[in-house]
């Protein structure tokens, strides 16, 4: 069974379906500058409208790319804290649209 919403794939072939913040932290922690240099997270569909990637930089730290074609968003940043990267990606992905996922309704008082 595939991911319900999205999957994370690393260069070395590891895959986690619908990864939690902790799982993203672990995948990013496993990156190195030789044979496992990036992780890509995207919807588990043929033509994903958005993706996020984390790649090891030669000078240390990580490059984070977030792209969402449906919202015309494309952001490239750098960071050194794996905690911050995993948390920020988790929040960013939670705001993406997924077909079939119930929309959040604001309750009225």
Protein backbone atom coordinates (compact mmCIF):
# COMPACT_ATOMS: atom_id res chain seq x y z
CA UNK A 1 0.00 0.00 0.00
CA UNK A 2 1.38 3.41 -0.96
CA UNK A 3 1.30 6.68 0.85
CA UNK A 4 -2.05 8.19 1.63
CA UNK A 5 -0.76 11.73 1.05
CA UNK A 6 2.97 11.91 0.27
CA UNK A 7 6.22 10.01 0.43
CA UNK A 8 9.81 10.84 1.27
CA UNK A 9 12.57 9.28 -0.83
CA UNK A 10 16.30 9.56 -0.27
CA UNK A 11 19.07 9.13 -2.81
CA UNK A 12 20.11 5.81 -1.24
CA UNK A 13 16.66 4.30 -1.93
CA UNK A 14 15.06 4.68 1.50
CA UNK A 15 11.36 5.54 1.39
CA UNK A 16 8.88 6.47 4.08
CA UNK A 17 5.18 6.89 3.29
CA UNK A 18 3.48 9.86 4.98
CA UNK A 19 6.55 10.61 7.13
CA UNK A 20 6.17 12.28 10.51
CA UNK A 21 8.41 15.11 11.67
CA UNK A 22 10.54 12.53 13.51
CA UNK A 23 10.86 10.38 10.37
CA UNK A 24 11.94 13.41 8.33
CA UNK A 25 14.48 14.26 11.04
CA UNK A 26 15.89 10.74 10.82
CA UNK A 27 16.08 10.79 7.00
CA UNK A 28 17.82 14.17 6.97
CA UNK A 29 20.20 13.01 9.72
CA UNK A 30 21.20 10.07 7.50
CA UNK A 31 22.28 12.35 4.63
CA UNK A 32 25.98 12.58 3.77
CA UNK A 33 28.13 14.20 1.11
CA UNK A 34 29.00 11.04 -0.83
CA UNK A 35 26.18 8.61 -1.62
CA UNK A 36 23.05 9.90 0.13
CA UNK A 37 22.99 13.63 -0.58
CA UNK A 38 19.27 14.44 -0.76
CA UNK A 39 15.71 13.68 0.35
CA UNK A 40 12.65 14.55 -1.77
CA UNK A 41 9.12 14.72 -0.37
CA UNK A 42 6.17 14.87 -2.76
CA UNK A 43 2.63 13.62 -3.21
CA UNK A 44 2.33 9.95 -4.08
CA UNK A 45 0.88 10.57 -7.55
CA UNK A 46 2.03 10.53 -11.18
CA UNK A 47 2.34 14.28 -11.76
CA UNK A 48 2.83 15.93 -8.35
CA UNK A 49 2.00 19.63 -8.18
CA UNK A 50 4.38 20.27 -5.28
CA UNK A 51 7.62 18.95 -3.80
CA UNK A 52 10.16 19.76 -1.14
CA UNK A 53 13.78 18.65 -1.10
CA UNK A 54 16.67 18.79 1.34
CA UNK A 55 20.23 18.45 0.02
CA UNK A 56 23.63 18.45 1.71
CA UNK A 57 25.75 21.51 0.90
CA UNK A 58 29.50 21.11 0.27
CA UNK A 59 30.27 23.88 2.74
CA UNK A 60 28.07 22.37 5.45
CA UNK A 61 24.40 22.72 6.22
CA UNK A 62 21.49 21.98 3.93
CA UNK A 63 19.67 23.55 0.99
CA UNK A 64 15.89 23.35 1.26
CA UNK A 65 13.74 23.77 -1.84
CA UNK A 66 9.96 24.14 -1.64
CA UNK A 67 7.94 24.34 -4.84
CA UNK A 68 4.17 24.40 -5.27
CA UNK A 69 3.10 25.07 -8.86
CA UNK A 70 -0.58 25.44 -7.90
CA UNK A 71 0.30 28.40 -5.65
CA UNK A 72 3.15 29.72 -7.80
CA UNK A 73 5.54 29.22 -4.87
CA UNK A 74 9.25 28.48 -5.28
CA UNK A 75 11.54 29.06 -2.32
CA UNK A 76 15.17 28.07 -1.82
CA UNK A 77 16.74 28.49 1.63
CA UNK A 78 19.64 27.13 3.63
CA UNK A 79 19.73 25.92 7.22
CA UNK A 80 21.93 23.98 9.61
CA UNK A 81 19.42 22.75 12.21
CA UNK A 82 17.86 19.42 11.27
CA UNK A 83 15.21 19.99 13.96
CA UNK A 84 14.16 23.27 12.34
CA UNK A 85 14.17 21.79 8.83
CA UNK A 86 12.00 18.79 9.79
CA UNK A 87 9.54 21.00 11.72
CA UNK A 88 9.29 23.61 8.95
CA UNK A 89 8.78 20.97 6.24
CA UNK A 90 6.10 19.23 8.28
CA UNK A 91 4.17 22.49 8.71
CA UNK A 92 4.64 23.43 5.04
CA UNK A 93 3.38 20.03 3.85
CA UNK A 94 0.37 20.19 6.17
CA UNK A 95 -0.75 23.31 4.29
CA UNK A 96 -0.68 21.58 0.88
CA UNK A 97 -3.85 20.48 -0.91
CA UNK A 98 -4.53 16.76 -1.22
CA UNK A 99 -7.40 15.45 -3.36
CA UNK A 100 -9.85 13.53 -1.23
CA UNK A 101 -8.62 14.92 2.08
CA UNK A 102 -11.39 16.58 4.05
CA UNK A 103 -11.08 20.33 4.19
CA UNK A 104 -10.72 21.91 7.58
CA UNK A 105 -13.76 23.81 8.71
CA UNK A 106 -13.64 26.64 11.16
CA UNK A 107 -16.29 26.10 13.79
CA UNK A 108 -18.69 28.92 14.45
CA UNK A 109 -19.26 30.18 17.95
